[in-house]
Amino acid sequence: MNRSHILHSFVLRFLCIVCLALPLAAGTLCAQMSKLDSLQTLLKTAKDDTAKVRLMNELAFEQSGDPAQQRATAEAAYALALRLGDKSGTGEK
């Protein structure tokens, strides 16, 4: 085998791997966005109760790609938990 044949073989293998990996990565990203959208939709109609605190905490966890929004959501969940007297929602036992 000459050098150009080896290089050509390597490039073809690399392209095959990339072509297989991209749809998997895109699917994961879409699933995460779908979960964010679902949680945001649920929050729009949620009453101010402990279930809403849980939803807000779950949403904050899922917002890892946006630290500023993640912090704002977590702080809002904490404030609601304090107002409701929800110790578990504030992280206390």
C-alpha atoms as a PDB file:
ATOM      1  CA  MET A   1       0.000   0.000   0.000  1.00  0.00           C
ATOM      2  CA  ASN A   2       1.267   3.414  -0.831  1.00  0.00           C
ATOM      3  CA  ARG A   3       0.945   6.507   1.265  1.00  0.00           C
ATOM      4  CA  SER A   4      -1.958   8.075  -0.681  1.00  0.00           C
ATOM      5  CA  HIS A   5      -3.988   4.864  -0.408  1.00  0.00           C
ATOM      6  CA  ILE A   6      -3.522   4.786   3.382  1.00  0.00           C
ATOM      7  CA  LEU A   7      -4.482   8.450   3.663  1.00  0.00           C
ATOM      8  CA  HIS A   8      -7.534   7.930   1.461  1.00  0.00           C
ATOM      9  CA  SER A   9      -8.612   4.946   3.584  1.00  0.00           C
ATOM     10  CA  PHE A  10      -8.184   6.936   6.793  1.00  0.00           C
ATOM     11  CA  VAL A  11     -10.220   9.865   5.446  1.00  0.00           C
ATOM     12  CA  LEU A  12     -13.036   7.554   4.356  1.00  0.00           C
ATOM     13  CA  ARG A  13     -13.177   5.888   7.770  1.00  0.00           C
ATOM     14  CA  PHE A  14     -13.163   9.258   9.516  1.00  0.00           C
ATOM     15  CA  LEU A  15     -16.006  10.547   7.343  1.00  0.00           C
ATOM     16  CA  CYS A  16     -18.058   7.415   8.004  1.00  0.00           C
ATOM     17  CA  ILE A  17     -17.639   7.824  11.749  1.00  0.00           C
ATOM     18  CA  VAL A  18     -18.584  11.504  11.583  1.00  0.00           C
ATOM     19  CA  CYS A  19     -21.639  10.748   9.444  1.00  0.00           C
ATOM     20  CA  LEU A  20     -22.801   8.171  11.973  1.00  0.00           C
ATOM     21  CA  ALA A  21     -22.076  10.312  15.040  1.00  0.00           C
ATOM     22  CA  LEU A  22     -23.727  13.551  13.915  1.00  0.00           C
ATOM     23  CA  PRO A  23     -27.310  12.257  13.876  1.00  0.00           C
ATOM     24  CA  LEU A  24     -26.820  10.785  17.356  1.00  0.00           C
ATOM     25  CA  ALA A  25     -25.527  14.089  18.707  1.00  0.00           C
ATOM     26  CA  ALA A  26     -28.345  16.005  17.032  1.00  0.00           C
ATOM     27  CA  GLY A  27     -30.913  13.618  18.502  1.00  0.00           C
ATOM     28  CA  THR A  28     -29.553  14.156  22.002  1.00  0.00           C
ATOM     29  CA  LEU A  29     -29.670  17.922  21.586  1.00  0.00           C
ATOM     30  CA  CYS A  30     -33.247  17.798  20.281  1.00  0.00           C
ATOM     31  CA  ALA A  31     -34.312  15.596  23.198  1.00  0.00           C
ATOM     32  CA  GLN A  32     -32.831  18.056  25.674  1.00  0.00           C
ATOM     33  CA  MET A  33     -34.574  21.011  23.993  1.00  0.00           C
ATOM     34  CA  SER A  34     -37.829  19.060  23.982  1.00  0.00           C
ATOM     35  CA  LYS A  35     -37.529  18.424  27.722  1.00  0.00           C
ATOM     36  CA  LEU A  36     -36.805  22.108  28.360  1.00  0.00           C
ATOM     37  CA  ASP A  37     -39.828  23.095  26.289  1.00  0.00           C
ATOM     38  CA  SER A  38     -42.029  20.593  28.123  1.00  0.00           C
ATOM     39  CA  LEU A  39     -40.951  21.825  31.550  1.00  0.00           C
ATOM     40  CA  GLN A  40     -41.476  25.462  30.548  1.00  0.00           C
ATOM     41  CA  THR A  41     -44.952  24.632  29.251  1.00  0.00           C
ATOM     42  CA  LEU A  42     -45.867  22.860  32.503  1.00  0.00           C
ATOM     43  CA  LEU A  43     -44.623  25.815  34.544  1.00  0.00           C
ATOM     44  CA  LYS A  44     -46.896  28.252  32.712  1.00  0.00           C
ATOM     45  CA  THR A  45     -49.991  26.624  34.217  1.00  0.00           C
ATOM     46  CA  ALA A  46     -48.547  25.343  37.506  1.00  0.00           C
ATOM     47  CA  LYS A  47     -49.969  26.717  40.735  1.00  0.00           C
ATOM     48  CA  ASP A  48     -47.592  28.088  43.366  1.00  0.00           C
ATOM     49  CA  ASP A  49     -47.115  24.882  45.322  1.00  0.00           C
ATOM     50  CA  THR A  50     -44.411  22.359  46.070  1.00  0.00           C
ATOM     51  CA  ALA A  51     -44.949  20.652  42.708  1.00  0.00           C
ATOM     52  CA  LYS A  52     -44.028  23.927  40.999  1.00  0.00           C
ATOM     53  CA  VAL A  53     -40.874  24.135  43.106  1.00  0.00           C
ATOM     54  CA  ARG A  54     -39.916  20.633  41.906  1.00  0.00           C
ATOM     55  CA  LEU A  55     -40.612  21.598  38.274  1.00  0.00           C
ATOM     56  CA  MET A  56     -38.516  24.738  38.613  1.00  0.00           C
ATOM     57  CA  ASN A  57     -35.639  22.797  40.158  1.00  0.00           C
ATOM     58  CA  GLU A  58     -35.813  20.217  37.378  1.00  0.00           C
ATOM     59  CA  LEU A  59     -35.868  22.987  34.775  1.00  0.00           C
ATOM     60  CA  ALA A  60     -32.839  24.633  36.398  1.00  0.00           C
ATOM     61  CA  PHE A  61     -30.992  21.308  36.248  1.00  0.00           C
ATOM     62  CA  GLU A  62     -31.787  20.976  32.528  1.00  0.00           C
ATOM     63  CA  GLN A  63     -30.628  24.537  31.753  1.00  0.00           C
ATOM     64  CA  SER A  64     -26.945  23.653  32.082  1.00  0.00           C
ATOM     65  CA  GLY A  65     -26.235  25.241  28.693  1.00  0.00           C
ATOM     66  CA  ASP A  66     -27.299  28.674  29.982  1.00  0.00           C
ATOM     67  CA  PRO A  67     -25.764  29.321  33.421  1.00  0.00           C
ATOM     68  CA  ALA A  68     -27.406  32.740  33.877  1.00  0.00           C
ATOM     69  CA  GLN A  69     -30.881  31.348  33.178  1.00  0.00           C
ATOM     70  CA  GLN A  70     -30.130  28.279  35.272  1.00  0.00           C
ATOM     71  CA  ARG A  71     -29.247  30.458  38.252  1.00  0.00           C
ATOM     72  CA  ALA A  72     -32.328  32.664  37.804  1.00  0.00           C
ATOM     73  CA  THR A  73     -34.609  29.627  37.695  1.00  0.00           C
ATOM     74  CA  ALA A  74     -32.954  28.039  40.734  1.00  0.00           C
ATOM     75  CA  GLU A  75     -33.208  31.283  42.702  1.00  0.00           C
ATOM     76  CA  ALA A  76     -36.902  31.641  41.791  1.00  0.00           C
ATOM     77  CA  ALA A  77     -37.511  28.042  42.913  1.00  0.00           C
ATOM     78  CA  TYR A  78     -35.681  28.733  46.177  1.00  0.00           C
ATOM     79  CA  ALA A  79     -37.710  31.902  46.816  1.00  0.00           C
ATOM     80  CA  LEU A  80     -40.984  30.068  46.170  1.00  0.00           C
ATOM     81  CA  ALA A  81     -39.916  27.189  48.431  1.00  0.00           C
ATOM     82  CA  LEU A  82     -39.112  29.640  51.222  1.00  0.00           C
ATOM     83  CA  ARG A  83     -42.455  31.388  50.796  1.00  0.00           C
ATOM     84  CA  LEU A  84     -44.273  28.041  50.927  1.00  0.00           C
ATOM     85  CA  GLY A  85     -42.229  26.743  53.851  1.00  0.00           C
ATOM     86  CA  ASP A  86     -41.050  23.842  51.654  1.00  0.00           C
ATOM     87  CA  LYS A  87     -37.855  22.751  53.378  1.00  0.00           C
ATOM     88  CA  SER A  88     -37.044  20.020  50.865  1.00  0.00           C
ATOM     89  CA  GLY A  89     -37.464  22.540  48.031  1.00  0.00           C
ATOM     90  CA  THR A  90     -34.807  24.752  49.636  1.00  0.00           C
ATOM     91  CA  GLY A  91     -32.393  21.863  49.989  1.00  0.00           C
ATOM     92  CA  GLU A  92     -32.951  21.428  53.727  1.00  0.00           C
ATOM     93  CA  LYS A  93     -33.965  18.112  55.266  1.00  0.00           C
END
